[in-house]
Amino acid sequence: MNLHSEDIIFLGQDYARELAALEEQCFAFPWSEKEFRLALSRKNFLVLGLIRSRELMGYLSFYHVQDQVEILNLAVHPQARGRGSAGRLLSFLMDYCSREKVSLVFLEVRPSNRSAVSLYQRFGFQRAGRRPGYYPDTGEDALVYQLELVRKET
């Protein structure tokens, strides 16, 4: 792997420490290494990692249950923001959803996180609701977005 190459891979428990460290840089209430290890031991919890030069630069965590996916967190290292990393992770997830015949993807996002809202809207997510006082650090509401995917019958 050269200095500027990137790979998106599914991460396992061996990345729990790196995931927790990235969480601390990105979120007010980060998951701990122990919480990641526990979540990653579950069959339906999955994490996509953006690896650059053997370093975790971003990740997207989600639950996949039957034909639905719930995006939990999408985080990009502060030094890697503004370079399309979040879009690459989301594109990879959309490809996964197509292969796995997922029909609905949903998520919550802060209204104040305009870049995230814009990203999700570019991918076709539609606002489906609001959860009042959802975020404990600020009491900010969460916007609920969903994306209905067309399933191709085989």
C-alpha atoms as a PDB file:
ATOM      1  CA  MET A   1       0.000   0.000   0.000  1.00  0.00           C
ATOM      2  CA  ASN A   2       1.494   3.330  -0.961  1.00  0.00           C
ATOM      3  CA  LEU A   3       1.304   6.502   1.088  1.00  0.00           C
ATOM      4  CA  HIS A   4      -1.877   7.840  -0.528  1.00  0.00           C
ATOM      5  CA  SER A   5      -3.819   4.639  -1.119  1.00  0.00           C
ATOM      6  CA  GLU A   6      -7.009   3.926   0.756  1.00  0.00           C
ATOM      7  CA  ASP A   7      -8.966   0.776   1.362  1.00  0.00           C
ATOM      8  CA  ILE A   8     -12.401   0.256   2.819  1.00  0.00           C
ATOM      9  CA  ILE A   9     -12.690  -2.984   4.739  1.00  0.00           C
ATOM     10  CA  PHE A  10     -14.968  -4.594   7.299  1.00  0.00           C
ATOM     11  CA  LEU A  11     -13.399  -4.229  10.736  1.00  0.00           C
ATOM     12  CA  GLY A  12     -13.323  -6.800  13.510  1.00  0.00           C
ATOM     13  CA  GLN A  13     -12.628  -6.708  17.225  1.00  0.00           C
ATOM     14  CA  ASP A  14      -8.927  -6.227  16.559  1.00  0.00           C
ATOM     15  CA  TYR A  15      -9.772  -2.624  15.586  1.00  0.00           C
ATOM     16  CA  ALA A  16     -11.700  -1.829  18.792  1.00  0.00           C
ATOM     17  CA  ARG A  17      -8.895   0.304  20.264  1.00  0.00           C
ATOM     18  CA  GLU A  18      -8.461   2.352  17.071  1.00  0.00           C
ATOM     19  CA  LEU A  19     -12.232   2.812  16.726  1.00  0.00           C
ATOM     20  CA  ALA A  20     -12.500   4.078  20.318  1.00  0.00           C
ATOM     21  CA  ALA A  21      -9.586   6.485  19.753  1.00  0.00           C
ATOM     22  CA  LEU A  22     -11.211   7.903  16.618  1.00  0.00           C
ATOM     23  CA  GLU A  23     -14.551   8.193  18.458  1.00  0.00           C
ATOM     24  CA  GLU A  24     -12.879  10.351  21.115  1.00  0.00           C
ATOM     25  CA  GLN A  25     -11.748  12.785  18.429  1.00  0.00           C
ATOM     26  CA  CYS A  26     -15.154  12.969  16.768  1.00  0.00           C
ATOM     27  CA  PHE A  27     -17.974  12.662  19.317  1.00  0.00           C
ATOM     28  CA  ALA A  28     -19.014  14.195  22.627  1.00  0.00           C
ATOM     29  CA  PHE A  29     -20.088  10.792  23.999  1.00  0.00           C
ATOM     30  CA  PRO A  30     -17.639   8.313  22.466  1.00  0.00           C
ATOM     31  CA  TRP A  31     -17.942   4.562  22.656  1.00  0.00           C
ATOM     32  CA  SER A  32     -15.213   2.839  24.654  1.00  0.00           C
ATOM     33  CA  GLU A  33     -12.975   0.067  23.403  1.00  0.00           C
ATOM     34  CA  LYS A  34     -14.996  -2.356  25.544  1.00  0.00           C
ATOM     35  CA  GLU A  35     -18.270  -1.183  23.968  1.00  0.00           C
ATOM     36  CA  PHE A  36     -16.833  -1.689  20.484  1.00  0.00           C
ATOM     37  CA  ARG A  37     -15.600  -5.172  21.368  1.00  0.00           C
ATOM     38  CA  LEU A  38     -19.028  -6.122  22.678  1.00  0.00           C
ATOM     39  CA  ALA A  39     -20.856  -4.675  19.669  1.00  0.00           C
ATOM     40  CA  LEU A  40     -18.455  -6.308  17.205  1.00  0.00           C
ATOM     41  CA  SER A  41     -19.141  -9.687  18.820  1.00  0.00           C
ATOM     42  CA  ARG A  42     -22.732  -9.421  17.570  1.00  0.00           C
ATOM     43  CA  LYS A  43     -23.581 -10.827  14.175  1.00  0.00           C
ATOM     44  CA  ASN A  44     -25.707  -7.915  12.968  1.00  0.00           C
ATOM     45  CA  PHE A  45     -23.325  -5.076  14.005  1.00  0.00           C
ATOM     46  CA  LEU A  46     -20.876  -4.191  11.252  1.00  0.00           C
ATOM     47  CA  VAL A  47     -18.192  -1.542  10.821  1.00  0.00           C
ATOM     48  CA  LEU A  48     -16.633  -0.325   7.598  1.00  0.00           C
ATOM     49  CA  GLY A  49     -13.198   1.170   8.066  1.00  0.00           C
ATOM     50  CA  LEU A  50     -11.368   3.583   5.803  1.00  0.00           C
ATOM     51  CA  ILE A  51      -7.695   2.649   6.069  1.00  0.00           C
ATOM     52  CA  ARG A  52      -4.976   4.923   4.724  1.00  0.00           C
ATOM     53  CA  SER A  53      -1.337   3.917   5.130  1.00  0.00           C
ATOM     54  CA  ARG A  54      -2.376   1.319   7.725  1.00  0.00           C
ATOM     55  CA  GLU A  55      -4.129   3.975   9.837  1.00  0.00           C
ATOM     56  CA  LEU A  56      -7.860   4.150  10.540  1.00  0.00           C
ATOM     57  CA  MET A  57      -8.998   7.458   9.041  1.00  0.00           C
ATOM     58  CA  GLY A  58     -12.744   6.922   9.161  1.00  0.00           C
ATOM     59  CA  TYR A  59     -15.473   4.436   9.834  1.00  0.00           C
ATOM     60  CA  LEU A  60     -19.165   3.799   9.367  1.00  0.00           C
ATOM     61  CA  SER A  61     -20.948   1.552  11.866  1.00  0.00           C
ATOM     62  CA  PHE A  62     -24.361   0.038  11.247  1.00  0.00           C
ATOM     63  CA  TYR A  63     -26.847  -2.629  12.186  1.00  0.00           C
ATOM     64  CA  HIS A  64     -28.078  -4.962   9.458  1.00  0.00           C
ATOM     65  CA  VAL A  65     -31.249  -6.833  10.377  1.00  0.00           C
ATOM     66  CA  GLN A  66     -33.141  -8.695   7.658  1.00  0.00           C
ATOM     67  CA  ASP A  67     -33.702  -6.192   4.836  1.00  0.00           C
ATOM     68  CA  GLN A  68     -32.944  -3.040   6.844  1.00  0.00           C
ATOM     69  CA  VAL A  69     -29.800  -1.136   7.789  1.00  0.00           C
ATOM     70  CA  GLU A  70     -29.528   1.466  10.531  1.00  0.00           C
ATOM     71  CA  ILE A  71     -26.475   3.708  10.291  1.00  0.00           C
ATOM     72  CA  LEU A  72     -25.192   4.378  13.806  1.00  0.00           C
ATOM     73  CA  ASN A  73     -22.094   6.509  13.314  1.00  0.00           C
ATOM     74  CA  LEU A  74     -20.076   7.914  10.465  1.00  0.00           C
ATOM     75  CA  ALA A  75     -16.782   9.411  11.602  1.00  0.00           C
ATOM     76  CA  VAL A  76     -13.786  10.814   9.745  1.00  0.00           C
ATOM     77  CA  HIS A  77     -10.493  11.772  11.371  1.00  0.00           C
ATOM     78  CA  PRO A  78     -10.301  15.585  11.686  1.00  0.00           C
ATOM     79  CA  GLN A  79      -7.166  15.680   9.484  1.00  0.00           C
ATOM     80  CA  ALA A  80      -8.945  13.743   6.706  1.00  0.00           C
ATOM     81  CA  ARG A  81     -12.167  15.739   6.523  1.00  0.00           C
ATOM     82  CA  GLY A  82     -13.211  17.562   3.377  1.00  0.00           C
ATOM     83  CA  ARG A  83     -11.632  14.984   1.054  1.00  0.00           C
ATOM     84  CA  GLY A  84     -14.663  12.823   0.252  1.00  0.00           C
ATOM     85  CA  SER A  85     -13.942  10.120   2.831  1.00  0.00           C
ATOM     86  CA  ALA A  86     -17.467  10.111   4.267  1.00  0.00           C
ATOM     87  CA  GLY A  87     -18.917   9.825   0.775  1.00  0.00           C
ATOM     88  CA  ARG A  88     -16.647   6.887  -0.038  1.00  0.00           C
ATOM     89  CA  LEU A  89     -17.751   5.073   3.108  1.00  0.00           C
ATOM     90  CA  LEU A  90     -21.407   5.750   2.335  1.00  0.00           C
ATOM     91  CA  SER A  91     -20.950   4.607  -1.292  1.00  0.00           C
ATOM     92  CA  PHE A  92     -19.381   1.379  -0.063  1.00  0.00           C
ATOM     93  CA  LEU A  93     -22.363   0.864   2.249  1.00  0.00           C
ATOM     94  CA  MET A  94     -24.802   1.459  -0.623  1.00  0.00           C
ATOM     95  CA  ASP A  95     -22.995  -1.198  -2.686  1.00  0.00           C
ATOM     96  CA  TYR A  96     -23.223  -3.566   0.280  1.00  0.00           C
ATOM     97  CA  CYS A  97     -26.948  -2.831   0.614  1.00  0.00           C
ATOM     98  CA  SER A  98     -27.483  -3.617  -3.055  1.00  0.00           C
ATOM     99  CA  ARG A  99     -25.655  -6.953  -2.787  1.00  0.00           C
ATOM    100  CA  GLU A 100     -27.493  -7.880   0.420  1.00  0.00           C
ATOM    101  CA  LYS A 101     -30.937  -6.867  -0.907  1.00  0.00           C
ATOM    102  CA  VAL A 102     -31.496  -4.198   1.734  1.00  0.00           C
ATOM    103  CA  SER A 103     -34.725  -2.267   1.112  1.00  0.00           C
ATOM    104  CA  LEU A 104     -34.499   0.459   3.794  1.00  0.00           C
ATOM    105  CA  VAL A 105     -31.618   2.424   5.310  1.00  0.00           C
ATOM    106  CA  PHE A 106     -32.229   4.882   8.120  1.00  0.00           C
ATOM    107  CA  LEU A 107     -30.276   7.079  10.535  1.00  0.00           C
ATOM    108  CA  GLU A 108     -30.453   9.978  12.972  1.00  0.00           C
ATOM    109  CA  VAL A 109     -28.457  13.158  12.481  1.00  0.00           C
ATOM    110  CA  ARG A 110     -28.109  16.488  14.289  1.00  0.00           C
ATOM    111  CA  PRO A 111     -29.791  19.358  12.403  1.00  0.00           C
ATOM    112  CA  SER A 112     -26.701  21.456  13.207  1.00  0.00           C
ATOM    113  CA  ASN A 113     -24.464  18.974  11.356  1.00  0.00           C
ATOM    114  CA  ARG A 114     -25.117  20.586   8.006  1.00  0.00           C
ATOM    115  CA  SER A 115     -22.346  18.751   6.166  1.00  0.00           C
ATOM    116  CA  ALA A 116     -23.759  15.373   7.237  1.00  0.00           C
ATOM    117  CA  VAL A 117     -27.328  16.385   6.357  1.00  0.00           C
ATOM    118  CA  SER A 118     -26.106  17.550   2.944  1.00  0.00           C
ATOM    119  CA  LEU A 119     -24.187  14.304   2.382  1.00  0.00           C
ATOM    120  CA  TYR A 120     -27.203  12.142   3.218  1.00  0.00           C
ATOM    121  CA  GLN A 121     -29.469  14.227   1.006  1.00  0.00           C
ATOM    122  CA  ARG A 122     -27.010  13.882  -1.908  1.00  0.00           C
ATOM    123  CA  PHE A 123     -27.345  10.114  -1.524  1.00  0.00           C
ATOM    124  CA  GLY A 124     -31.122  10.382  -1.723  1.00  0.00           C
ATOM    125  CA  PHE A 125     -32.065  10.138   1.954  1.00  0.00           C
ATOM    126  CA  GLN A 126     -35.382  11.790   2.780  1.00  0.00           C
ATOM    127  CA  ARG A 127     -36.375  13.296   6.096  1.00  0.00           C
ATOM    128  CA  ALA A 128     -38.821  10.962   7.841  1.00  0.00           C
ATOM    129  CA  GLY A 129     -39.189  12.491  11.302  1.00  0.00           C
ATOM    130  CA  ARG A 130     -37.660  14.158  14.326  1.00  0.00           C
ATOM    131  CA  ARG A 131     -36.698  12.836  17.777  1.00  0.00           C
ATOM    132  CA  PRO A 132     -37.010  15.692  20.302  1.00  0.00           C
ATOM    133  CA  GLY A 133     -34.113  16.140  22.750  1.00  0.00           C
ATOM    134  CA  TYR A 134     -32.281  13.102  21.353  1.00  0.00           C
ATOM    135  CA  TYR A 135     -28.684  14.212  21.954  1.00  0.00           C
ATOM    136  CA  PRO A 136     -27.787  14.227  25.669  1.00  0.00           C
ATOM    137  CA  ASP A 137     -24.865  16.672  25.417  1.00  0.00           C
ATOM    138  CA  THR A 138     -26.925  19.547  24.000  1.00  0.00           C
ATOM    139  CA  GLY A 139     -30.540  18.376  24.129  1.00  0.00           C
ATOM    140  CA  GLU A 140     -30.627  18.910  20.376  1.00  0.00           C
ATOM    141  CA  ASP A 141     -33.281  17.083  18.401  1.00  0.00           C
ATOM    142  CA  ALA A 142     -32.334  14.368  15.929  1.00  0.00           C
ATOM    143  CA  LEU A 143     -33.572  14.372  12.379  1.00  0.00           C
ATOM    144  CA  VAL A 144     -34.551  10.904  11.181  1.00  0.00           C
ATOM    145  CA  TYR A 145     -33.645  10.210   7.565  1.00  0.00           C
ATOM    146  CA  GLN A 146     -34.436   7.172   5.489  1.00  0.00           C
ATOM    147  CA  LEU A 147     -33.614   5.846   2.079  1.00  0.00           C
ATOM    148  CA  GLU A 148     -35.868   3.323   0.396  1.00  0.00           C
ATOM    149  CA  LEU A 149     -33.899   1.154  -1.981  1.00  0.00           C
ATOM    150  CA  VAL A 150     -35.398  -0.566  -4.995  1.00  0.00           C
ATOM    151  CA  ARG A 151     -34.947  -4.289  -4.677  1.00  0.00           C
ATOM    152  CA  LYS A 152     -34.281  -6.218  -7.853  1.00  0.00           C
ATOM    153  CA  GLU A 153     -36.055  -9.549  -7.825  1.00  0.00           C
ATOM    154  CA  THR A 154     -33.894 -12.451  -8.928  1.00  0.00           C
END
